[in-house]
Amino acid sequence: MLYEGSCHCGNIAFNVEGEFAEALDCNCSLCRRRGGLLAFVPREKLVLKTPEDNMLTYTFNRHVIRHHFCANCGIAPFGEGVAPNGSVMASINLRCIPELDLGALKVTAYDGAAH
């Protein structure tokens, strides 16, 4: 299914293709503070609809995931990285897809702090 997502102000907007029935609630120091619910898709399934210049990027710890966020509203709608198998992935903050029923998601705790 194709979904539209964005930061709060719309400065970062994207389309993403996927079936989102499950989400990860990560407890790493960043995710815990921002409260995102994450789902992962191959990077080619995410199409940015706004200029890349609208995004700021933050990395931490091993600096392998690029966490993108909006300079205007501060919301982080997605990140990018490489999975252990070498696939380029996008981590989607499902809270940034308005049409998703978050209450219907199976949410699994993930101990990102251990990694």
C-alpha atoms as a PDB file:
ATOM      1  CA  MET A   1       0.000   0.000   0.000  1.00  0.00           C
ATOM      2  CA  LEU A   2       1.205   3.528  -0.752  1.00  0.00           C
ATOM      3  CA  TYR A   3       1.126   6.053   2.094  1.00  0.00           C
ATOM      4  CA  GLU A   4       1.861   9.765   2.362  1.00  0.00           C
ATOM      5  CA  GLY A   5       3.863  10.988   5.314  1.00  0.00           C
ATOM      6  CA  SER A   6       5.461  14.198   6.502  1.00  0.00           C
ATOM      7  CA  CYS A   7       6.883  16.145   9.373  1.00  0.00           C
ATOM      8  CA  HIS A   8       4.380  18.354  11.243  1.00  0.00           C
ATOM      9  CA  CYS A   9       4.745  21.435   9.039  1.00  0.00           C
ATOM     10  CA  GLY A  10       5.058  19.550   5.731  1.00  0.00           C
ATOM     11  CA  ASN A  11       8.569  20.819   5.036  1.00  0.00           C
ATOM     12  CA  ILE A  12       9.623  17.158   4.692  1.00  0.00           C
ATOM     13  CA  ALA A  13       7.063  15.063   2.806  1.00  0.00           C
ATOM     14  CA  PHE A  14       7.355  11.582   1.349  1.00  0.00           C
ATOM     15  CA  ASN A  15       5.512   8.620  -0.101  1.00  0.00           C
ATOM     16  CA  VAL A  16       6.296   5.176   1.249  1.00  0.00           C
ATOM     17  CA  GLU A  17       5.156   1.791   0.054  1.00  0.00           C
ATOM     18  CA  GLY A  18       4.636  -0.929   2.611  1.00  0.00           C
ATOM     19  CA  GLU A  19       2.283  -2.973   4.752  1.00  0.00           C
ATOM     20  CA  PHE A  20       2.434  -1.513   8.245  1.00  0.00           C
ATOM     21  CA  ALA A  21       0.816  -3.771  10.823  1.00  0.00           C
ATOM     22  CA  GLU A  22       3.737  -3.808  13.263  1.00  0.00           C
ATOM     23  CA  ALA A  23       6.043  -1.200  14.767  1.00  0.00           C
ATOM     24  CA  LEU A  24       9.125  -1.151  16.951  1.00  0.00           C
ATOM     25  CA  ASP A  25       9.206   1.014  20.043  1.00  0.00           C
ATOM     26  CA  CYS A  26      12.951   1.523  20.435  1.00  0.00           C
ATOM     27  CA  ASN A  27      14.431   2.601  23.763  1.00  0.00           C
ATOM     28  CA  CYS A  28      17.773   3.941  22.515  1.00  0.00           C
ATOM     29  CA  SER A  29      18.626   7.382  23.856  1.00  0.00           C
ATOM     30  CA  LEU A  30      17.267   9.149  20.746  1.00  0.00           C
ATOM     31  CA  CYS A  31      14.094   7.149  20.087  1.00  0.00           C
ATOM     32  CA  ARG A  32      13.131   7.172  23.750  1.00  0.00           C
ATOM     33  CA  ARG A  33      13.174  10.959  23.754  1.00  0.00           C
ATOM     34  CA  ARG A  34      11.355  11.508  20.470  1.00  0.00           C
ATOM     35  CA  GLY A  35       8.760   8.754  20.914  1.00  0.00           C
ATOM     36  CA  GLY A  36       8.705   7.393  17.388  1.00  0.00           C
ATOM     37  CA  LEU A  37       7.179   4.087  16.341  1.00  0.00           C
ATOM     38  CA  LEU A  38       9.439   2.564  13.701  1.00  0.00           C
ATOM     39  CA  ALA A  39       8.939   0.333  10.702  1.00  0.00           C
ATOM     40  CA  PHE A  40      11.612  -0.549   8.166  1.00  0.00           C
ATOM     41  CA  VAL A  41      11.383  -0.661   4.375  1.00  0.00           C
ATOM     42  CA  PRO A  42      13.939  -0.911   1.581  1.00  0.00           C
ATOM     43  CA  ARG A  43      15.113   2.640   0.860  1.00  0.00           C
ATOM     44  CA  GLU A  44      13.767   2.541  -2.694  1.00  0.00           C
ATOM     45  CA  LYS A  45      10.230   2.216  -1.235  1.00  0.00           C
ATOM     46  CA  LEU A  46      10.508   5.753   0.178  1.00  0.00           C
ATOM     47  CA  VAL A  47      10.228   8.655  -2.268  1.00  0.00           C
ATOM     48  CA  LEU A  48      10.973  12.128  -0.976  1.00  0.00           C
ATOM     49  CA  LYS A  49       8.466  14.691  -2.303  1.00  0.00           C
ATOM     50  CA  THR A  50      10.293  17.765  -0.996  1.00  0.00           C
ATOM     51  CA  PRO A  51      13.871  18.966  -1.543  1.00  0.00           C
ATOM     52  CA  GLU A  52      16.597  17.140   0.401  1.00  0.00           C
ATOM     53  CA  ASP A  53      17.799  20.573   1.506  1.00  0.00           C
ATOM     54  CA  ASN A  54      14.693  20.774   3.731  1.00  0.00           C
ATOM     55  CA  MET A  55      16.161  18.062   5.977  1.00  0.00           C
ATOM     56  CA  LEU A  56      18.759  18.255   8.656  1.00  0.00           C
ATOM     57  CA  THR A  57      20.536  15.068   9.688  1.00  0.00           C
ATOM     58  CA  TYR A  58      21.757  13.807  13.024  1.00  0.00           C
ATOM     59  CA  THR A  59      23.967  10.800  13.734  1.00  0.00           C
ATOM     60  CA  PHE A  60      25.170   9.437  17.046  1.00  0.00           C
ATOM     61  CA  ASN A  61      26.852   6.431  18.648  1.00  0.00           C
ATOM     62  CA  ARG A  62      28.395   4.503  15.713  1.00  0.00           C
ATOM     63  CA  HIS A  63      27.114   7.095  13.182  1.00  0.00           C
ATOM     64  CA  VAL A  64      25.616   4.450  10.898  1.00  0.00           C
ATOM     65  CA  ILE A  65      21.999   5.672  10.856  1.00  0.00           C
ATOM     66  CA  ARG A  66      21.192   9.076   9.393  1.00  0.00           C
ATOM     67  CA  HIS A  67      18.261  10.439  11.412  1.00  0.00           C
ATOM     68  CA  HIS A  68      16.547  13.125   9.317  1.00  0.00           C
ATOM     69  CA  PHE A  69      14.498  15.882  10.898  1.00  0.00           C
ATOM     70  CA  CYS A  70      12.878  19.172   9.966  1.00  0.00           C
ATOM     71  CA  ALA A  71      14.688  22.409  10.795  1.00  0.00           C
ATOM     72  CA  ASN A  72      11.338  24.181  11.033  1.00  0.00           C
ATOM     73  CA  CYS A  73       9.142  21.959  13.260  1.00  0.00           C
ATOM     74  CA  GLY A  74      11.757  19.526  14.628  1.00  0.00           C
ATOM     75  CA  ILE A  75       9.883  16.340  13.719  1.00  0.00           C
ATOM     76  CA  ALA A  76      11.940  13.332  12.549  1.00  0.00           C
ATOM     77  CA  PRO A  77       9.846  11.445   9.974  1.00  0.00           C
ATOM     78  CA  PHE A  78      12.452   8.907   8.835  1.00  0.00           C
ATOM     79  CA  GLY A  79      16.050   7.793   8.916  1.00  0.00           C
ATOM     80  CA  GLU A  80      18.360   5.905   6.582  1.00  0.00           C
ATOM     81  CA  GLY A  81      20.950   3.231   7.112  1.00  0.00           C
ATOM     82  CA  VAL A  82      22.293  -0.117   6.028  1.00  0.00           C
ATOM     83  CA  ALA A  83      20.900  -3.355   7.480  1.00  0.00           C
ATOM     84  CA  PRO A  84      23.292  -6.059   8.716  1.00  0.00           C
ATOM     85  CA  ASN A  85      22.768  -7.913   5.406  1.00  0.00           C
ATOM     86  CA  GLY A  86      23.960  -4.852   3.431  1.00  0.00           C
ATOM     87  CA  SER A  87      20.521  -3.677   2.236  1.00  0.00           C
ATOM     88  CA  VAL A  88      19.945   0.074   2.212  1.00  0.00           C
ATOM     89  CA  MET A  89      16.933   0.710   4.447  1.00  0.00           C
ATOM     90  CA  ALA A  90      14.669   3.505   5.620  1.00  0.00           C
ATOM     91  CA  SER A  91      13.250   3.582   9.138  1.00  0.00           C
ATOM     92  CA  ILE A  92       9.854   5.226   8.987  1.00  0.00           C
ATOM     93  CA  ASN A  93       8.360   6.988  11.993  1.00  0.00           C
ATOM     94  CA  LEU A  94       4.819   5.627  11.638  1.00  0.00           C
ATOM     95  CA  ARG A  95       3.516   8.513  13.751  1.00  0.00           C
ATOM     96  CA  CYS A  96       4.279  10.685  10.691  1.00  0.00           C
ATOM     97  CA  ILE A  97       1.753   8.849   8.498  1.00  0.00           C
ATOM     98  CA  PRO A  98      -1.608  10.440   9.399  1.00  0.00           C
ATOM     99  CA  GLU A  99      -3.809   7.792   7.753  1.00  0.00           C
ATOM    100  CA  LEU A 100      -2.397   4.895   9.803  1.00  0.00           C
ATOM    101  CA  ASP A 101      -4.447   3.670  12.747  1.00  0.00           C
ATOM    102  CA  LEU A 102      -1.707   3.556  15.383  1.00  0.00           C
ATOM    103  CA  GLY A 103      -3.998   1.726  17.791  1.00  0.00           C
ATOM    104  CA  ALA A 104      -4.225  -1.191  15.370  1.00  0.00           C
ATOM    105  CA  LEU A 105      -0.445  -1.687  15.225  1.00  0.00           C
ATOM    106  CA  LYS A 106       1.247  -4.548  17.042  1.00  0.00           C
ATOM    107  CA  VAL A 107       3.963  -2.658  18.913  1.00  0.00           C
ATOM    108  CA  THR A 108       7.081  -4.548  19.984  1.00  0.00           C
ATOM    109  CA  ALA A 109       9.616  -3.144  22.413  1.00  0.00           C
ATOM    110  CA  TYR A 110      13.150  -3.112  21.034  1.00  0.00           C
ATOM    111  CA  ASP A 111      16.182  -2.703  23.252  1.00  0.00           C
ATOM    112  CA  GLY A 112      18.160  -0.306  21.087  1.00  0.00           C
ATOM    113  CA  ALA A 113      20.136   0.754  24.142  1.00  0.00           C
ATOM    114  CA  ALA A 114      21.765  -2.692  24.138  1.00  0.00           C
ATOM    115  CA  HIS A 115      23.162  -2.116  20.636  1.00  0.00           C
END
